[in-house]
C-alpha atoms as a PDB file:
ATOM      1  CA  MET A   1       0.533 -30.267  42.025  1.00  0.00           C
ATOM      2  CA  ARG A   2       0.634 -33.048  39.572  1.00  0.00           C
ATOM      3  CA  ARG A   3      -2.069 -32.386  36.975  1.00  0.00           C
ATOM      4  CA  ILE A   4      -3.950 -35.180  35.094  1.00  0.00           C
ATOM      5  CA  ASP A   5      -2.922 -34.444  31.668  1.00  0.00           C
ATOM      6  CA  SER A   6      -2.525 -37.831  29.872  1.00  0.00           C
ATOM      7  CA  SER A   7      -3.914 -41.404  29.750  1.00  0.00           C
ATOM      8  CA  ASP A   8      -0.423 -42.347  31.619  1.00  0.00           C
ATOM      9  CA  ASP A   9      -1.744 -40.101  34.612  1.00  0.00           C
ATOM     10  CA  ILE A  10      -5.250 -41.825  34.540  1.00  0.00           C
ATOM     11  CA  ALA A  11      -3.309 -45.184  34.531  1.00  0.00           C
ATOM     12  CA  ALA A  12      -1.339 -44.272  37.402  1.00  0.00           C
ATOM     13  CA  GLY A  13      -4.154 -42.985  39.520  1.00  0.00           C
ATOM     14  CA  LEU A  14      -6.204 -46.383  38.796  1.00  0.00           C
ATOM     15  CA  GLU A  15      -3.186 -48.494  39.865  1.00  0.00           C
ATOM     16  CA  ALA A  16      -2.726 -46.167  43.013  1.00  0.00           C
ATOM     17  CA  LEU A  17      -6.395 -46.456  43.541  1.00  0.00           C
ATOM     18  CA  ALA A  18      -6.667 -50.210  43.481  1.00  0.00           C
ATOM     19  CA  HIS A  19      -4.249 -50.452  46.043  1.00  0.00           C
ATOM     20  CA  ALA A  20      -5.469 -48.131  48.452  1.00  0.00           C
ATOM     21  CA  ASP A  21      -9.016 -49.587  48.267  1.00  0.00           C
ATOM     22  CA  PRO A  22      -9.170 -53.026  46.863  1.00  0.00           C
ATOM     23  CA  ARG A  23     -12.946 -52.630  46.272  1.00  0.00           C
ATOM     24  CA  LEU A  24     -12.067 -50.417  43.580  1.00  0.00           C
ATOM     25  CA  ALA A  25     -10.198 -52.918  41.490  1.00  0.00           C
ATOM     26  CA  ARG A  26     -13.337 -54.442  40.445  1.00  0.00           C
ATOM     27  CA  ALA A  27     -14.826 -51.166  39.383  1.00  0.00           C
ATOM     28  CA  ILE A  28     -11.829 -50.478  37.414  1.00  0.00           C
ATOM     29  CA  GLU A  29     -12.452 -53.773  35.779  1.00  0.00           C
ATOM     30  CA  LEU A  30     -15.959 -53.112  35.121  1.00  0.00           C
ATOM     31  CA  ALA A  31     -15.741 -49.548  33.911  1.00  0.00           C
ATOM     32  CA  GLY A  32     -13.506 -50.214  31.246  1.00  0.00           C
ATOM     33  CA  PRO A  33     -11.469 -47.310  29.709  1.00  0.00           C
ATOM     34  CA  VAL A  34     -11.332 -44.158  31.711  1.00  0.00           C
ATOM     35  CA  PRO A  35     -11.568 -41.217  29.693  1.00  0.00           C
ATOM     36  CA  LEU A  36      -9.402 -38.381  30.361  1.00  0.00           C
ATOM     37  CA  ARG A  37     -11.789 -35.540  29.197  1.00  0.00           C
ATOM     38  CA  ARG A  38     -10.120 -32.447  29.332  1.00  0.00           C
ATOM     39  CA  LYS A  39     -11.162 -29.090  28.174  1.00  0.00           C
ATOM     40  CA  PRO A  40      -9.444 -25.767  27.468  1.00  0.00           C
ATOM     41  CA  PRO A  41      -9.893 -23.401  30.830  1.00  0.00           C
ATOM     42  CA  GLY A  42     -11.676 -20.134  30.375  1.00  0.00           C
ATOM     43  CA  TYR A  43     -15.272 -18.667  30.157  1.00  0.00           C
ATOM     44  CA  ALA A  44     -16.524 -21.007  27.741  1.00  0.00           C
ATOM     45  CA  ALA A  45     -15.835 -24.249  29.651  1.00  0.00           C
ATOM     46  CA  LEU A  46     -17.356 -22.683  33.037  1.00  0.00           C
ATOM     47  CA  ALA A  47     -20.206 -21.630  30.974  1.00  0.00           C
ATOM     48  CA  GLU A  48     -20.784 -25.120  29.737  1.00  0.00           C
ATOM     49  CA  ILE A  49     -20.641 -26.416  33.300  1.00  0.00           C
ATOM     50  CA  ILE A  50     -23.144 -23.957  34.391  1.00  0.00           C
ATOM     51  CA  VAL A  51     -25.538 -24.644  31.647  1.00  0.00           C
ATOM     52  CA  SER A  52     -25.443 -28.511  32.378  1.00  0.00           C
ATOM     53  CA  GLN A  53     -26.422 -28.275  36.003  1.00  0.00           C
ATOM     54  CA  MET A  54     -29.436 -30.102  37.039  1.00  0.00           C
ATOM     55  CA  VAL A  55     -30.517 -31.234  33.339  1.00  0.00           C
ATOM     56  CA  SER A  56     -29.834 -34.312  31.537  1.00  0.00           C
ATOM     57  CA  LYS A  57     -27.164 -34.569  29.062  1.00  0.00           C
ATOM     58  CA  ALA A  58     -29.265 -34.301  26.027  1.00  0.00           C
ATOM     59  CA  SER A  59     -31.157 -31.172  27.467  1.00  0.00           C
ATOM     60  CA  ALA A  60     -27.594 -29.426  28.052  1.00  0.00           C
ATOM     61  CA  ASN A  61     -26.540 -30.240  24.839  1.00  0.00           C
ATOM     62  CA  ALA A  62     -29.382 -28.598  23.355  1.00  0.00           C
ATOM     63  CA  LEU A  63     -29.456 -25.771  25.553  1.00  0.00           C
ATOM     64  CA  TRP A  64     -25.602 -25.085  24.601  1.00  0.00           C
ATOM     65  CA  TRP A  65     -26.392 -25.284  20.814  1.00  0.00           C
ATOM     66  CA  LYS A  66     -29.160 -22.613  21.378  1.00  0.00           C
ATOM     67  CA  LEU A  67     -26.875 -20.476  23.283  1.00  0.00           C
ATOM     68  CA  GLU A  68     -24.005 -20.722  20.708  1.00  0.00           C
ATOM     69  CA  ILE A  69     -26.529 -19.863  17.963  1.00  0.00           C
ATOM     70  CA  ALA A  70     -28.111 -16.513  20.253  1.00  0.00           C
ATOM     71  CA  ALA A  71     -24.346 -15.480  20.991  1.00  0.00           C
ATOM     72  CA  GLY A  72     -22.367 -16.412  17.971  1.00  0.00           C
ATOM     73  CA  GLU A  73     -19.631 -17.246  20.439  1.00  0.00           C
ATOM     74  CA  ILE A  74     -19.348 -18.274  23.962  1.00  0.00           C
ATOM     75  CA  SER A  75     -17.369 -15.296  25.502  1.00  0.00           C
ATOM     76  CA  PRO A  76     -18.087 -12.717  28.331  1.00  0.00           C
ATOM     77  CA  GLN A  77     -18.661 -10.138  25.747  1.00  0.00           C
ATOM     78  CA  ALA A  78     -20.944 -12.031  23.616  1.00  0.00           C
ATOM     79  CA  ILE A  79     -23.115 -13.139  26.342  1.00  0.00           C
ATOM     80  CA  LEU A  80     -23.333  -9.704  28.066  1.00  0.00           C
ATOM     81  CA  GLN A  81     -24.654  -8.282  25.045  1.00  0.00           C
ATOM     82  CA  LEU A  82     -27.669 -10.649  25.286  1.00  0.00           C
ATOM     83  CA  SER A  83     -30.833  -9.088  26.691  1.00  0.00           C
ATOM     84  CA  ALA A  84     -32.628 -11.248  29.662  1.00  0.00           C
ATOM     85  CA  GLU A  85     -35.138 -12.130  26.736  1.00  0.00           C
ATOM     86  CA  ASP A  86     -32.677 -13.418  24.598  1.00  0.00           C
ATOM     87  CA  LEU A  87     -31.158 -15.771  27.076  1.00  0.00           C
ATOM     88  CA  ARG A  88     -34.644 -16.977  28.034  1.00  0.00           C
ATOM     89  CA  ALA A  89     -35.321 -17.692  24.530  1.00  0.00           C
ATOM     90  CA  ALA A  90     -32.434 -19.892  24.514  1.00  0.00           C
ATOM     91  CA  GLY A  91     -33.850 -21.875  27.143  1.00  0.00           C
ATOM     92  CA  LEU A  92     -31.746 -20.776  30.054  1.00  0.00           C
ATOM     93  CA  SER A  93     -33.304 -20.472  33.593  1.00  0.00           C
ATOM     94  CA  ARG A  94     -33.213 -16.911  35.270  1.00  0.00           C
ATOM     95  CA  ALA A  95     -30.624 -18.275  37.701  1.00  0.00           C
ATOM     96  CA  LYS A  96     -28.172 -19.883  34.915  1.00  0.00           C
ATOM     97  CA  ALA A  97     -28.578 -16.669  32.619  1.00  0.00           C
ATOM     98  CA  GLU A  98     -27.694 -14.459  35.696  1.00  0.00           C
ATOM     99  CA  THR A  99     -24.991 -16.793  36.630  1.00  0.00           C
ATOM    100  CA  LEU A 100     -23.336 -16.715  33.135  1.00  0.00           C
ATOM    101  CA  CYS A 101     -23.253 -12.886  33.480  1.00  0.00           C
ATOM    102  CA  ARG A 102     -22.092 -12.329  36.850  1.00  0.00           C
ATOM    103  CA  VAL A 103     -18.910 -14.760  35.574  1.00  0.00           C
ATOM    104  CA  GLY A 104     -18.571 -12.569  32.827  1.00  0.00           C
ATOM    105  CA  VAL A 105     -18.390  -9.385  34.561  1.00  0.00           C
ATOM    106  CA  ALA A 106     -16.202 -11.048  36.881  1.00  0.00           C
ATOM    107  CA  VAL A 107     -13.839 -12.088  34.207  1.00  0.00           C
ATOM    108  CA  LEU A 108     -14.005  -8.920  32.271  1.00  0.00           C
ATOM    109  CA  GLU A 109     -13.255  -6.958  35.519  1.00  0.00           C
ATOM    110  CA  GLY A 110     -10.103  -9.157  36.209  1.00  0.00           C
ATOM    111  CA  GLU A 111     -11.733 -10.335  39.597  1.00  0.00           C
ATOM    112  CA  LEU A 112     -11.948 -14.010  37.991  1.00  0.00           C
ATOM    113  CA  ASP A 113      -9.019 -15.213  36.187  1.00  0.00           C
ATOM    114  CA  LEU A 114      -9.910 -18.755  35.258  1.00  0.00           C
ATOM    115  CA  GLU A 115      -6.693 -19.915  33.603  1.00  0.00           C
ATOM    116  CA  ARG A 116      -4.504 -18.542  36.875  1.00  0.00           C
ATOM    117  CA  LEU A 117      -6.899 -20.583  39.063  1.00  0.00           C
ATOM    118  CA  CYS A 118      -5.830 -23.919  37.228  1.00  0.00           C
ATOM    119  CA  ALA A 119      -2.521 -23.813  38.976  1.00  0.00           C
ATOM    120  CA  VAL A 120      -4.092 -22.601  42.320  1.00  0.00           C
ATOM    121  CA  GLU A 121      -4.386 -25.023  45.210  1.00  0.00           C
ATOM    122  CA  GLY A 122      -7.839 -26.621  45.105  1.00  0.00           C
ATOM    123  CA  ARG A 123      -9.315 -25.496  48.199  1.00  0.00           C
ATOM    124  CA  ALA A 124      -8.200 -21.640  47.391  1.00  0.00           C
ATOM    125  CA  ALA A 125      -9.415 -21.854  43.866  1.00  0.00           C
ATOM    126  CA  ILE A 126     -12.904 -23.068  44.807  1.00  0.00           C
ATOM    127  CA  LYS A 127     -13.092 -20.128  47.288  1.00  0.00           C
ATOM    128  CA  ALA A 128     -12.160 -17.800  44.527  1.00  0.00           C
ATOM    129  CA  MET A 129     -14.977 -19.093  42.136  1.00  0.00           C
ATOM    130  CA  THR A 130     -17.747 -19.647  44.641  1.00  0.00           C
ATOM    131  CA  ALA A 131     -17.373 -15.886  45.438  1.00  0.00           C
ATOM    132  CA  VAL A 132     -19.143 -15.323  42.429  1.00  0.00           C
ATOM    133  CA  LYS A 133     -22.750 -15.664  43.127  1.00  0.00           C
ATOM    134  CA  GLY A 134     -24.429 -18.659  41.813  1.00  0.00           C
ATOM    135  CA  VAL A 135     -21.191 -20.598  41.314  1.00  0.00           C
ATOM    136  CA  GLY A 136     -21.593 -23.420  43.924  1.00  0.00           C
ATOM    137  CA  PRO A 137     -18.863 -25.855  44.914  1.00  0.00           C
ATOM    138  CA  TRP A 138     -19.976 -28.731  42.273  1.00  0.00           C
ATOM    139  CA  THR A 139     -19.509 -26.180  39.650  1.00  0.00           C
ATOM    140  CA  ALA A 140     -16.051 -25.144  40.910  1.00  0.00           C
ATOM    141  CA  GLU A 141     -15.069 -28.849  41.536  1.00  0.00           C
ATOM    142  CA  VAL A 142     -15.994 -29.940  37.984  1.00  0.00           C
ATOM    143  CA  TYR A 143     -14.191 -27.112  36.275  1.00  0.00           C
ATOM    144  CA  LEU A 144     -11.016 -27.749  37.994  1.00  0.00           C
ATOM    145  CA  LEU A 145     -11.289 -31.520  37.401  1.00  0.00           C
ATOM    146  CA  PHE A 146     -11.733 -30.940  33.524  1.00  0.00           C
ATOM    147  CA  CYS A 147      -9.947 -27.754  32.882  1.00  0.00           C
ATOM    148  CA  ALA A 148      -7.212 -27.720  35.302  1.00  0.00           C
ATOM    149  CA  GLY A 149      -6.694 -31.750  35.579  1.00  0.00           C
ATOM    150  CA  HIS A 150      -6.522 -31.570  39.296  1.00  0.00           C
ATOM    151  CA  PRO A 151      -5.812 -34.726  40.644  1.00  0.00           C
ATOM    152  CA  ASP A 152      -7.235 -34.592  44.139  1.00  0.00           C
ATOM    153  CA  ILE A 153     -10.985 -33.277  43.670  1.00  0.00           C
ATOM    154  CA  PHE A 154     -13.989 -35.410  43.955  1.00  0.00           C
ATOM    155  CA  PRO A 155     -17.515 -33.626  43.622  1.00  0.00           C
ATOM    156  CA  SER A 156     -19.355 -35.517  46.595  1.00  0.00           C
ATOM    157  CA  GLY A 157     -22.532 -33.689  45.519  1.00  0.00           C
ATOM    158  CA  ASP A 158     -22.615 -35.194  42.060  1.00  0.00           C
ATOM    159  CA  VAL A 159     -25.703 -37.554  41.970  1.00  0.00           C
ATOM    160  CA  ALA A 160     -24.332 -39.786  39.287  1.00  0.00           C
ATOM    161  CA  LEU A 161     -21.205 -40.074  41.241  1.00  0.00           C
ATOM    162  CA  GLN A 162     -23.246 -41.117  44.385  1.00  0.00           C
ATOM    163  CA  SER A 163     -25.160 -43.584  42.455  1.00  0.00           C
ATOM    164  CA  ALA A 164     -22.056 -45.090  40.870  1.00  0.00           C
ATOM    165  CA  ALA A 165     -20.532 -45.212  44.255  1.00  0.00           C
ATOM    166  CA  ALA A 166     -23.242 -46.950  45.876  1.00  0.00           C
ATOM    167  CA  HIS A 167     -23.504 -49.818  43.003  1.00  0.00           C
ATOM    168  CA  ALA A 168     -19.841 -50.724  42.738  1.00  0.00           C
ATOM    169  CA  LEU A 169     -19.263 -50.598  46.485  1.00  0.00           C
ATOM    170  CA  GLU A 170     -22.429 -52.438  46.975  1.00  0.00           C
ATOM    171  CA  LEU A 171     -23.714 -49.821  49.516  1.00  0.00           C
ATOM    172  CA  GLU A 172     -27.168 -50.080  50.918  1.00  0.00           C
ATOM    173  CA  ALA A 173     -28.028 -46.889  49.661  1.00  0.00           C
ATOM    174  CA  ARG A 174     -26.921 -43.790  47.802  1.00  0.00           C
ATOM    175  CA  PRO A 175     -24.503 -42.057  50.278  1.00  0.00           C
ATOM    176  CA  ARG A 176     -25.242 -38.412  50.827  1.00  0.00           C
ATOM    177  CA  PRO A 177     -22.727 -35.658  50.018  1.00  0.00           C
ATOM    178  CA  ARG A 178     -20.665 -35.421  53.351  1.00  0.00           C
ATOM    179  CA  VAL A 179     -20.647 -39.356  53.861  1.00  0.00           C
ATOM    180  CA  LEU A 180     -19.245 -39.840  49.991  1.00  0.00           C
ATOM    181  CA  SER A 181     -16.715 -36.961  50.875  1.00  0.00           C
ATOM    182  CA  ASP A 182     -15.689 -38.762  53.941  1.00  0.00           C
ATOM    183  CA  MET A 183     -15.298 -41.904  52.051  1.00  0.00           C
ATOM    184  CA  ALA A 184     -13.186 -40.230  49.330  1.00  0.00           C
ATOM    185  CA  GLU A 185     -10.604 -39.155  51.688  1.00  0.00           C
ATOM    186  CA  ALA A 186      -9.126 -42.877  51.452  1.00  0.00           C
ATOM    187  CA  TRP A 187      -8.539 -42.136  47.438  1.00  0.00           C
ATOM    188  CA  SER A 188      -6.466 -38.988  47.943  1.00  0.00           C
ATOM    189  CA  PRO A 189      -4.385 -37.931  46.179  1.00  0.00           C
ATOM    190  CA  TRP A 190      -6.441 -39.380  43.451  1.00  0.00           C
ATOM    191  CA  ARG A 191      -9.569 -38.481  44.074  1.00  0.00           C
ATOM    192  CA  GLY A 192      -9.772 -36.807  40.369  1.00  0.00           C
ATOM    193  CA  VAL A 193      -9.200 -39.957  38.966  1.00  0.00           C
ATOM    194  CA  ALA A 194     -11.741 -41.735  41.081  1.00  0.00           C
ATOM    195  CA  ALA A 195     -14.239 -39.382  40.181  1.00  0.00           C
ATOM    196  CA  ARG A 196     -13.568 -40.159  36.507  1.00  0.00           C
ATOM    197  CA  LEU A 197     -13.657 -43.974  37.431  1.00  0.00           C
ATOM    198  CA  PHE A 198     -17.094 -43.554  38.724  1.00  0.00           C
ATOM    199  CA  TRP A 199     -18.474 -41.637  35.870  1.00  0.00           C
ATOM    200  CA  ALA A 200     -16.895 -44.213  33.466  1.00  0.00           C
ATOM    201  CA  TYR A 201     -18.590 -46.991  35.614  1.00  0.00           C
ATOM    202  CA  TYR A 202     -21.909 -45.150  35.462  1.00  0.00           C
ATOM    203  CA  ALA A 203     -21.902 -45.195  31.755  1.00  0.00           C
ATOM    204  CA  SER A 204     -20.580 -48.577  31.159  1.00  0.00           C
ATOM    205  CA  VAL A 205     -22.214 -50.514  33.985  1.00  0.00           C
ATOM    206  CA  MET A 206     -25.175 -48.767  34.664  1.00  0.00           C
ATOM    207  CA  ARG A 207     -25.855 -47.575  31.264  1.00  0.00           C
ATOM    208  CA  ARG A 208     -26.002 -43.869  31.834  1.00  0.00           C
ATOM    209  CA  ASP A 209     -23.971 -40.968  30.346  1.00  0.00           C
ATOM    210  CA  ALA A 210     -23.947 -38.187  33.152  1.00  0.00           C
ATOM    211  CA  THR A 211     -20.470 -36.620  32.678  1.00  0.00           C
ATOM    212  CA  PRO A 212     -21.023 -33.034  33.393  1.00  0.00           C
ATOM    213  CA  LEU A 213     -18.858 -31.735  30.446  1.00  0.00           C
ATOM    214  CA  GLY A 214     -18.769 -32.697  26.804  1.00  0.00           C
ATOM    215  CA  ALA A 215     -15.246 -33.460  27.015  1.00  0.00           C
END
């Protein structure tokens, strides 16, 4: 599996996408630089993605700051030492707090090896991650994009990607996840670059930043 590890990989992917789907050529021009956005794999990165679910970028940053203050560090051991009251005081919903704890237990017990999963085929890695209650497909897909540099994953359930695709491709309405997933098949094996392109387009053309990880 070729990883997206550098700006050269992004450039190669964008060139291939422009040839595979001419509609993307204009999106590439308008989006400007497409950031690599990589994070070291591990519990902290997955925790940041979980915290960022369903909230604005500003809210996610604030929650993350509070969690770091409460825990001292973002590790399975540190998070599991916090009480439910501590996690609520940091601003986390019950669902997010429970997911962070379940993931922490799975990591400590060896049931979830987040570093090893970065070298596993996409569908198998997603299946292993979503076996932990509270970790959904979007969370797993974003982790594999930004922490594994997976080249061919596209989180079609991401609202920002749906909105950017609708705007860039001049669709009548924002596509539903299944529709967008089917559309993205044409961008394989560079769907990971296509996702980065649409996030960049969302930020530069639609003037909103919704990248789900502060990379």
